[in-house]
Amino acid sequence: MRVTVFNEFLHERESDVVREIYPDGIHAAIGAAVQRSHPDAVVGYATLREPEHGLTQEVIDGTDVLFWWGHKAHDQVDDAVVDRVQSAVLAGMGLVVLHSGHYSKPFRRMLGTTASLKWREADEKERLWNLQPGHPLLHGVPDYFELPREEMYGERFDVPDPDELLMISWFQGGEVFRSLAAWRRGHGTVVYFRPGHETYPTYYDANVQRVLANAAAYAAAKVRRPDRGSPETPAIEPVPNPGKEHILGLTATATDK
């Protein structure tokens, strides 16, 4: 399994608080969680300030599942890179979007909506409820788990109805939120997982790490098969195929009558 983790890598450079929590970057914590459960996985990283954001065509072609963490620089992501990601997902690559990546260009492109929501940063408890204990995305995850401090996201979350709704969050302030969901797009799978605000050590939580690892395996490409255009396809067995003249003749006869 070939995994690429994209992270803006801006908060860690600009905020002492975030840098103390994630000294090697949020992307490193996400990648370590995946690697711990999938020791044979090849994990690579891409950040915003790299040429082409580290997501060259070669990198995308060599990626089975792309994790995306973004927050403050969504508008700085080049549209050509978004096109590249979209084409890859439609061809089979998995896309796992995390926390504030709901506003990222790739996520909104794949879902076709604004992905807007309500939010509040108030150090409140989040309780995440497991709706599908038998689902591969929730393997090893208890019926619920709690994060002592997180940013609140609340409904309405402007996304299409998920193909699979897997977790719902409840927040101390009273809101609820669809916090783990999956959609099919072309040959690929898009997963959204809500927790992960940069000022909290969320990605060190064992249950969060379990969901990340499960998401990598679940969304990873099972096939890479671009569907471009609408090609005329030859039959694999002989089929009746009256000539154009015969068809025109029938039309003329019908008109004469």
C-alpha atoms as a PDB file:
ATOM      1  CA  MET A   1       0.000   0.000   0.000  1.00  0.00           C
ATOM      2  CA  ARG A   2       1.428   3.357  -1.079  1.00  0.00           C
ATOM      3  CA  VAL A   3       0.276   6.236   1.117  1.00  0.00           C
ATOM      4  CA  THR A   4       0.867   9.967   0.661  1.00  0.00           C
ATOM      5  CA  VAL A   5       0.004  12.427   3.430  1.00  0.00           C
ATOM      6  CA  PHE A   6      -0.544  16.049   2.395  1.00  0.00           C
ATOM      7  CA  ASN A   7      -0.366  18.763   5.043  1.00  0.00           C
ATOM      8  CA  GLU A   8      -0.123  22.522   4.609  1.00  0.00           C
ATOM      9  CA  PHE A   9       2.662  22.469   7.243  1.00  0.00           C
ATOM     10  CA  LEU A  10       2.066  26.119   8.079  1.00  0.00           C
ATOM     11  CA  HIS A  11       0.643  26.079  11.611  1.00  0.00           C
ATOM     12  CA  GLU A  12       3.608  24.077  12.883  1.00  0.00           C
ATOM     13  CA  ARG A  13       6.001  26.718  11.552  1.00  0.00           C
ATOM     14  CA  GLU A  14       4.039  29.731  12.746  1.00  0.00           C
ATOM     15  CA  SER A  15       2.618  28.647  16.130  1.00  0.00           C
ATOM     16  CA  ASP A  16       4.655  27.595  19.163  1.00  0.00           C
ATOM     17  CA  VAL A  17       1.594  25.772  20.526  1.00  0.00           C
ATOM     18  CA  VAL A  18       1.143  23.638  17.420  1.00  0.00           C
ATOM     19  CA  ARG A  19       4.877  23.062  17.029  1.00  0.00           C
ATOM     20  CA  GLU A  20       5.080  21.775  20.601  1.00  0.00           C
ATOM     21  CA  ILE A  21       2.297  19.269  19.959  1.00  0.00           C
ATOM     22  CA  TYR A  22       3.464  18.206  16.482  1.00  0.00           C
ATOM     23  CA  PRO A  23       7.206  18.985  16.309  1.00  0.00           C
ATOM     24  CA  ASP A  24       7.603  17.006  13.076  1.00  0.00           C
ATOM     25  CA  GLY A  25       4.322  18.214  11.593  1.00  0.00           C
ATOM     26  CA  ILE A  26       0.770  16.923  11.660  1.00  0.00           C
ATOM     27  CA  HIS A  27       1.550  14.880   8.569  1.00  0.00           C
ATOM     28  CA  ALA A  28       4.229  12.936  10.451  1.00  0.00           C
ATOM     29  CA  ALA A  29       1.756  11.985  13.193  1.00  0.00           C
ATOM     30  CA  ILE A  30      -0.803  10.816  10.613  1.00  0.00           C
ATOM     31  CA  GLY A  31       1.803   8.864   8.668  1.00  0.00           C
ATOM     32  CA  ALA A  32       3.136   7.221  11.838  1.00  0.00           C
ATOM     33  CA  ALA A  33      -0.372   6.054  12.764  1.00  0.00           C
ATOM     34  CA  VAL A  34      -0.780   4.404   9.369  1.00  0.00           C
ATOM     35  CA  GLN A  35       2.711   2.915   9.410  1.00  0.00           C
ATOM     36  CA  ARG A  36       2.226   1.445  12.880  1.00  0.00           C
ATOM     37  CA  SER A  37      -0.749  -0.648  11.725  1.00  0.00           C
ATOM     38  CA  HIS A  38       0.587  -1.300   8.219  1.00  0.00           C
ATOM     39  CA  PRO A  39       4.350  -1.823   8.609  1.00  0.00           C
ATOM     40  CA  ASP A  40       4.731  -2.823   4.957  1.00  0.00           C
ATOM     41  CA  ALA A  41       3.084   0.382   3.695  1.00  0.00           C
ATOM     42  CA  VAL A  42       5.231   2.928   1.868  1.00  0.00           C
ATOM     43  CA  VAL A  43       4.388   6.312   3.401  1.00  0.00           C
ATOM     44  CA  GLY A  44       5.408   9.580   1.777  1.00  0.00           C
ATOM     45  CA  TYR A  45       4.674  13.223   2.534  1.00  0.00           C
ATOM     46  CA  ALA A  46       3.742  16.360   0.607  1.00  0.00           C
ATOM     47  CA  THR A  47       3.447  19.943   1.861  1.00  0.00           C
ATOM     48  CA  LEU A  48       2.036  23.159   0.487  1.00  0.00           C
ATOM     49  CA  ARG A  49       5.284  25.071  -0.091  1.00  0.00           C
ATOM     50  CA  GLU A  50       6.915  22.340  -2.154  1.00  0.00           C
ATOM     51  CA  PRO A  51       6.841  22.650  -5.964  1.00  0.00           C
ATOM     52  CA  GLU A  52       3.392  21.482  -7.099  1.00  0.00           C
ATOM     53  CA  HIS A  53       2.667  21.072  -3.347  1.00  0.00           C
ATOM     54  CA  GLY A  54       4.670  17.864  -3.466  1.00  0.00           C
ATOM     55  CA  LEU A  55       1.887  16.279  -5.522  1.00  0.00           C
ATOM     56  CA  THR A  56       3.503  15.886  -8.911  1.00  0.00           C
ATOM     57  CA  GLN A  57       1.974  13.563 -11.479  1.00  0.00           C
ATOM     58  CA  GLU A  58       4.623  10.995 -10.603  1.00  0.00           C
ATOM     59  CA  VAL A  59       3.710  11.139  -6.903  1.00  0.00           C
ATOM     60  CA  ILE A  60      -0.016  10.869  -7.604  1.00  0.00           C
ATOM     61  CA  ASP A  61       0.509   7.974 -10.025  1.00  0.00           C
ATOM     62  CA  GLY A  62       2.420   6.181  -7.256  1.00  0.00           C
ATOM     63  CA  THR A  63      -0.215   6.777  -4.557  1.00  0.00           C
ATOM     64  CA  ASP A  64      -2.921   4.303  -3.557  1.00  0.00           C
ATOM     65  CA  VAL A  65      -4.477   6.541  -0.909  1.00  0.00           C
ATOM     66  CA  LEU A  66      -3.966  10.267  -0.308  1.00  0.00           C
ATOM     67  CA  PHE A  67      -4.583  11.822   3.120  1.00  0.00           C
ATOM     68  CA  TRP A  68      -5.393  15.557   3.082  1.00  0.00           C
ATOM     69  CA  TRP A  69      -5.026  17.955   6.015  1.00  0.00           C
ATOM     70  CA  GLY A  70      -5.545  21.655   5.309  1.00  0.00           C
ATOM     71  CA  HIS A  71      -6.876  24.658   7.175  1.00  0.00           C
ATOM     72  CA  LYS A  72      -5.656  28.162   6.459  1.00  0.00           C
ATOM     73  CA  ALA A  73      -4.457  28.052   2.848  1.00  0.00           C
ATOM     74  CA  HIS A  74      -7.100  26.226   0.844  1.00  0.00           C
ATOM     75  CA  ASP A  75      -7.100  29.010  -1.738  1.00  0.00           C
ATOM     76  CA  GLN A  76      -3.355  28.594  -2.297  1.00  0.00           C
ATOM     77  CA  VAL A  77      -3.699  25.067  -3.674  1.00  0.00           C
ATOM     78  CA  ASP A  78      -3.144  25.185  -7.419  1.00  0.00           C
ATOM     79  CA  ASP A  79      -6.126  24.140  -9.521  1.00  0.00           C
ATOM     80  CA  ALA A  80      -3.888  22.017 -11.739  1.00  0.00           C
ATOM     81  CA  VAL A  81      -3.026  19.901  -8.694  1.00  0.00           C
ATOM     82  CA  VAL A  82      -6.730  19.657  -7.806  1.00  0.00           C
ATOM     83  CA  ASP A  83      -7.442  18.441 -11.351  1.00  0.00           C
ATOM     84  CA  ARG A  84      -4.718  15.837 -10.920  1.00  0.00           C
ATOM     85  CA  VAL A  85      -6.145  14.607  -7.624  1.00  0.00           C
ATOM     86  CA  GLN A  86      -9.682  14.479  -9.005  1.00  0.00           C
ATOM     87  CA  SER A  87      -8.634  12.446 -12.037  1.00  0.00           C
ATOM     88  CA  ALA A  88      -6.727  10.036  -9.819  1.00  0.00           C
ATOM     89  CA  VAL A  89      -9.694   9.494  -7.486  1.00  0.00           C
ATOM     90  CA  LEU A  90     -12.033   8.866 -10.407  1.00  0.00           C
ATOM     91  CA  ALA A  91      -9.487   6.344 -11.666  1.00  0.00           C
ATOM     92  CA  GLY A  92      -9.356   4.518  -8.308  1.00  0.00           C
ATOM     93  CA  MET A  93      -7.071   6.349  -5.864  1.00  0.00           C
ATOM     94  CA  GLY A  94      -8.485   6.774  -2.366  1.00  0.00           C
ATOM     95  CA  LEU A  95      -8.839  10.215  -0.758  1.00  0.00           C
ATOM     96  CA  VAL A  96      -9.070  10.579   3.036  1.00  0.00           C
ATOM     97  CA  VAL A  97      -9.937  14.139   4.063  1.00  0.00           C
ATOM     98  CA  LEU A  98      -9.327  15.172   7.665  1.00  0.00           C
ATOM     99  CA  HIS A  99     -10.844  17.842   9.916  1.00  0.00           C
ATOM    100  CA  SER A 100     -10.760  21.297   8.275  1.00  0.00           C
ATOM    101  CA  GLY A 101      -9.901  19.678   4.974  1.00  0.00           C
ATOM    102  CA  HIS A 102     -13.669  19.721   4.469  1.00  0.00           C
ATOM    103  CA  TYR A 103     -13.123  23.155   2.894  1.00  0.00           C
ATOM    104  CA  SER A 104     -10.267  21.980   0.694  1.00  0.00           C
ATOM    105  CA  LYS A 105     -10.555  22.264  -3.049  1.00  0.00           C
ATOM    106  CA  PRO A 106     -10.225  18.503  -3.687  1.00  0.00           C
ATOM    107  CA  PHE A 107     -12.985  17.601  -1.208  1.00  0.00           C
ATOM    108  CA  ARG A 108     -15.441  20.191  -2.496  1.00  0.00           C
ATOM    109  CA  ARG A 109     -14.583  19.254  -6.079  1.00  0.00           C
ATOM    110  CA  MET A 110     -15.265  15.578  -5.448  1.00  0.00           C
ATOM    111  CA  LEU A 111     -18.568  16.203  -3.617  1.00  0.00           C
ATOM    112  CA  GLY A 112     -19.852  19.193  -5.603  1.00  0.00           C
ATOM    113  CA  THR A 113     -21.102  21.175  -2.580  1.00  0.00           C
ATOM    114  CA  THR A 114     -19.849  23.971  -0.330  1.00  0.00           C
ATOM    115  CA  ALA A 115     -19.055  21.602   2.593  1.00  0.00           C
ATOM    116  CA  SER A 116     -20.019  24.423   4.961  1.00  0.00           C
ATOM    117  CA  LEU A 117     -20.742  23.749   8.639  1.00  0.00           C
ATOM    118  CA  LYS A 118     -20.998  25.394  12.065  1.00  0.00           C
ATOM    119  CA  TRP A 119     -17.962  25.564  14.333  1.00  0.00           C
ATOM    120  CA  ARG A 120     -16.778  26.703  17.745  1.00  0.00           C
ATOM    121  CA  GLU A 121     -13.363  26.460  19.405  1.00  0.00           C
ATOM    122  CA  ALA A 122     -14.066  26.152  23.132  1.00  0.00           C
ATOM    123  CA  ASP A 123     -11.995  23.230  24.473  1.00  0.00           C
ATOM    124  CA  GLU A 124     -15.080  21.037  24.730  1.00  0.00           C
ATOM    125  CA  LYS A 125     -15.468  17.288  24.929  1.00  0.00           C
ATOM    126  CA  GLU A 126     -16.337  15.315  21.815  1.00  0.00           C
ATOM    127  CA  ARG A 127     -17.992  11.898  22.026  1.00  0.00           C
ATOM    128  CA  LEU A 128     -17.849   9.874  18.810  1.00  0.00           C
ATOM    129  CA  TRP A 129     -20.447   7.131  18.361  1.00  0.00           C
ATOM    130  CA  ASN A 130     -19.725   4.029  16.301  1.00  0.00           C
ATOM    131  CA  LEU A 131     -22.730   3.380  14.035  1.00  0.00           C
ATOM    132  CA  GLN A 132     -21.369   0.389  12.103  1.00  0.00           C
ATOM    133  CA  PRO A 133     -19.176  -1.793  14.370  1.00  0.00           C
ATOM    134  CA  GLY A 134     -18.807  -4.444  11.658  1.00  0.00           C
ATOM    135  CA  HIS A 135     -17.538  -2.030   9.014  1.00  0.00           C
ATOM    136  CA  PRO A 136     -13.846  -2.210   7.990  1.00  0.00           C
ATOM    137  CA  LEU A 137     -13.405   1.489   8.767  1.00  0.00           C
ATOM    138  CA  LEU A 138     -14.347   0.795  12.387  1.00  0.00           C
ATOM    139  CA  HIS A 139     -12.463  -2.438  12.991  1.00  0.00           C
ATOM    140  CA  GLY A 140     -11.134  -2.357  16.552  1.00  0.00           C
ATOM    141  CA  VAL A 141     -13.020   0.842  17.445  1.00  0.00           C
ATOM    142  CA  PRO A 142     -15.299   0.691  20.535  1.00  0.00           C
ATOM    143  CA  ASP A 143     -18.987   1.597  20.575  1.00  0.00           C
ATOM    144  CA  TYR A 144     -17.917   5.135  21.420  1.00  0.00           C
ATOM    145  CA  PHE A 145     -14.826   7.020  22.463  1.00  0.00           C
ATOM    146  CA  GLU A 146     -14.210  10.518  23.778  1.00  0.00           C
ATOM    147  CA  LEU A 147     -11.744  13.284  23.065  1.00  0.00           C
ATOM    148  CA  PRO A 148     -11.412  15.560  26.121  1.00  0.00           C
ATOM    149  CA  ARG A 149     -10.806  18.724  24.063  1.00  0.00           C
ATOM    150  CA  GLU A 150     -11.645  19.401  20.437  1.00  0.00           C
ATOM    151  CA  GLU A 151     -13.018  22.057  18.125  1.00  0.00           C
ATOM    152  CA  MET A 152     -16.771  21.741  17.641  1.00  0.00           C
ATOM    153  CA  TYR A 153     -18.222  21.094  14.197  1.00  0.00           C
ATOM    154  CA  GLY A 154     -22.020  21.204  13.957  1.00  0.00           C
ATOM    155  CA  GLU A 155     -24.751  20.465  11.453  1.00  0.00           C
ATOM    156  CA  ARG A 156     -25.835  21.303   8.886  1.00  0.00           C
ATOM    157  CA  PHE A 157     -22.818  19.858   7.114  1.00  0.00           C
ATOM    158  CA  ASP A 158     -23.355  20.712   3.439  1.00  0.00           C
ATOM    159  CA  VAL A 159     -22.316  17.464   1.776  1.00  0.00           C
ATOM    160  CA  PRO A 160     -24.285  14.962  -0.311  1.00  0.00           C
ATOM    161  CA  ASP A 161     -25.870  12.170   1.705  1.00  0.00           C
ATOM    162  CA  PRO A 162     -22.978   9.766   2.354  1.00  0.00           C
ATOM    163  CA  ASP A 163     -22.944   6.355   0.758  1.00  0.00           C
ATOM    164  CA  GLU A 164     -21.852   5.180   4.197  1.00  0.00           C
ATOM    165  CA  LEU A 165     -22.404   7.090   7.453  1.00  0.00           C
ATOM    166  CA  LEU A 166     -20.203   5.484  10.093  1.00  0.00           C
ATOM    167  CA  MET A 167     -19.819   7.799  13.089  1.00  0.00           C
ATOM    168  CA  ILE A 168     -21.726  10.679  14.671  1.00  0.00           C
ATOM    169  CA  SER A 169     -20.161  13.108  17.133  1.00  0.00           C
ATOM    170  CA  TRP A 170     -21.822  14.751  20.108  1.00  0.00           C
ATOM    171  CA  PHE A 171     -20.270  17.860  21.629  1.00  0.00           C
ATOM    172  CA  GLN A 172     -20.438  19.212  25.145  1.00  0.00           C
ATOM    173  CA  GLY A 173     -22.201  22.332  23.904  1.00  0.00           C
ATOM    174  CA  GLY A 174     -25.048  20.216  22.505  1.00  0.00           C
ATOM    175  CA  GLU A 175     -24.341  19.952  18.763  1.00  0.00           C
ATOM    176  CA  VAL A 176     -24.053  16.732  16.753  1.00  0.00           C
ATOM    177  CA  PHE A 177     -22.112  16.113  13.556  1.00  0.00           C
ATOM    178  CA  ARG A 178     -21.627  13.400  10.902  1.00  0.00           C
ATOM    179  CA  SER A 179     -18.002  12.762  11.737  1.00  0.00           C
ATOM    180  CA  LEU A 180     -17.028   9.704   9.655  1.00  0.00           C
ATOM    181  CA  ALA A 181     -18.508   9.156   6.200  1.00  0.00           C
ATOM    182  CA  ALA A 182     -17.604   7.677   2.823  1.00  0.00           C
ATOM    183  CA  TRP A 183     -18.632   8.319  -0.772  1.00  0.00           C
ATOM    184  CA  ARG A 184     -17.930   6.467  -4.029  1.00  0.00           C
ATOM    185  CA  ARG A 185     -16.619   8.617  -6.844  1.00  0.00           C
ATOM    186  CA  GLY A 186     -15.792   6.877 -10.111  1.00  0.00           C
ATOM    187  CA  HIS A 187     -13.517   3.945  -9.230  1.00  0.00           C
ATOM    188  CA  GLY A 188     -12.324   5.666  -6.041  1.00  0.00           C
ATOM    189  CA  THR A 189     -13.450   6.153  -2.461  1.00  0.00           C
ATOM    190  CA  VAL A 190     -13.584   9.442  -0.557  1.00  0.00           C
ATOM    191  CA  VAL A 191     -13.536   9.259   3.252  1.00  0.00           C
ATOM    192  CA  TYR A 192     -14.060  12.195   5.609  1.00  0.00           C
ATOM    193  CA  PHE A 193     -12.996  11.980   9.284  1.00  0.00           C
ATOM    194  CA  ARG A 194     -13.713  15.009  11.468  1.00  0.00           C
ATOM    195  CA  PRO A 195     -11.300  15.147  14.485  1.00  0.00           C
ATOM    196  CA  GLY A 196      -7.881  16.774  14.256  1.00  0.00           C
ATOM    197  CA  HIS A 197      -7.760  20.471  15.198  1.00  0.00           C
ATOM    198  CA  GLU A 198      -4.149  21.574  15.216  1.00  0.00           C
ATOM    199  CA  THR A 199      -4.008  22.897  18.809  1.00  0.00           C
ATOM    200  CA  TYR A 200      -5.043  19.548  20.341  1.00  0.00           C
ATOM    201  CA  PRO A 201      -3.056  16.263  20.425  1.00  0.00           C
ATOM    202  CA  THR A 202      -5.902  14.426  18.696  1.00  0.00           C
ATOM    203  CA  TYR A 203      -3.728  12.432  16.295  1.00  0.00           C
ATOM    204  CA  TYR A 204      -2.003  10.720  19.231  1.00  0.00           C
ATOM    205  CA  ASP A 205      -5.301   9.238  20.452  1.00  0.00           C
ATOM    206  CA  ALA A 206      -5.300   5.450  19.986  1.00  0.00           C
ATOM    207  CA  ASN A 207      -8.846   5.292  18.607  1.00  0.00           C
ATOM    208  CA  VAL A 208      -8.241   8.146  16.169  1.00  0.00           C
ATOM    209  CA  GLN A 209      -5.090   6.395  15.002  1.00  0.00           C
ATOM    210  CA  ARG A 210      -7.061   3.191  14.512  1.00  0.00           C
ATOM    211  CA  VAL A 211      -9.584   4.964  12.267  1.00  0.00           C
ATOM    212  CA  LEU A 212      -6.756   6.533  10.248  1.00  0.00           C
ATOM    213  CA  ALA A 213      -5.136   3.146   9.696  1.00  0.00           C
ATOM    214  CA  ASN A 214      -8.463   1.564   8.791  1.00  0.00           C
ATOM    215  CA  ALA A 215      -9.209   4.399   6.369  1.00  0.00           C
ATOM    216  CA  ALA A 216      -5.904   3.867   4.601  1.00  0.00           C
ATOM    217  CA  ALA A 217      -6.685   0.213   3.927  1.00  0.00           C
ATOM    218  CA  TYR A 218     -10.348   0.796   3.106  1.00  0.00           C
ATOM    219  CA  ALA A 219      -9.878   3.667   0.655  1.00  0.00           C
ATOM    220  CA  ALA A 220      -6.658   2.489  -0.993  1.00  0.00           C
ATOM    221  CA  ALA A 221      -6.950   1.873  -4.718  1.00  0.00           C
ATOM    222  CA  LYS A 222      -8.168  -1.573  -5.664  1.00  0.00           C
ATOM    223  CA  VAL A 223      -7.903  -0.689  -9.336  1.00  0.00           C
ATOM    224  CA  ARG A 224      -6.457   2.221 -11.341  1.00  0.00           C
ATOM    225  CA  ARG A 225      -8.542   2.491 -14.477  1.00  0.00           C
ATOM    226  CA  PRO A 226      -9.091   5.931 -15.981  1.00  0.00           C
ATOM    227  CA  ASP A 227     -12.431   6.439 -17.689  1.00  0.00           C
ATOM    228  CA  ARG A 228     -12.000   9.204 -20.223  1.00  0.00           C
ATOM    229  CA  GLY A 229     -14.429  10.004 -22.986  1.00  0.00           C
ATOM    230  CA  SER A 230     -17.038   7.623 -24.370  1.00  0.00           C
ATOM    231  CA  PRO A 231     -15.208   5.234 -26.710  1.00  0.00           C
ATOM    232  CA  GLU A 232     -17.077   3.169 -29.268  1.00  0.00           C
ATOM    233  CA  THR A 233     -16.513  -0.428 -28.243  1.00  0.00           C
ATOM    234  CA  PRO A 234     -16.409  -3.461 -30.552  1.00  0.00           C
ATOM    235  CA  ALA A 235     -18.700  -6.366 -29.684  1.00  0.00           C
ATOM    236  CA  ILE A 236     -17.102  -9.498 -28.228  1.00  0.00           C
ATOM    237  CA  GLU A 237     -19.660 -11.654 -30.082  1.00  0.00           C
ATOM    238  CA  PRO A 238     -21.286 -11.180 -33.506  1.00  0.00           C
ATOM    239  CA  VAL A 239     -24.395  -9.000 -33.295  1.00  0.00           C
ATOM    240  CA  PRO A 240     -26.933  -7.964 -35.956  1.00  0.00           C
ATOM    241  CA  ASN A 241     -25.733  -4.755 -37.530  1.00  0.00           C
ATOM    242  CA  PRO A 242     -27.867  -3.650 -40.506  1.00  0.00           C
ATOM    243  CA  GLY A 243     -26.057  -1.352 -42.884  1.00  0.00           C
ATOM    244  CA  LYS A 244     -26.774   2.343 -43.080  1.00  0.00           C
ATOM    245  CA  GLU A 245     -28.399   1.955 -46.482  1.00  0.00           C
ATOM    246  CA  HIS A 246     -30.856  -0.614 -45.119  1.00  0.00           C
ATOM    247  CA  ILE A 247     -31.820   1.701 -42.267  1.00  0.00           C
ATOM    248  CA  LEU A 248     -32.272   4.630 -44.643  1.00  0.00           C
ATOM    249  CA  GLY A 249     -34.373   2.439 -46.898  1.00  0.00           C
ATOM    250  CA  LEU A 250     -36.716   1.525 -44.086  1.00  0.00           C
ATOM    251  CA  THR A 251     -37.017   5.199 -43.185  1.00  0.00           C
ATOM    252  CA  ALA A 252     -37.844   6.123 -46.753  1.00  0.00           C
ATOM    253  CA  THR A 253     -40.468   3.363 -47.019  1.00  0.00           C
ATOM    254  CA  ALA A 254     -42.081   4.493 -43.823  1.00  0.00           C
ATOM    255  CA  THR A 255     -42.159   8.066 -45.103  1.00  0.00           C
ATOM    256  CA  ASP A 256     -43.686   7.027 -48.434  1.00  0.00           C
ATOM    257  CA  LYS A 257     -46.539   5.352 -46.628  1.00  0.00           C
END
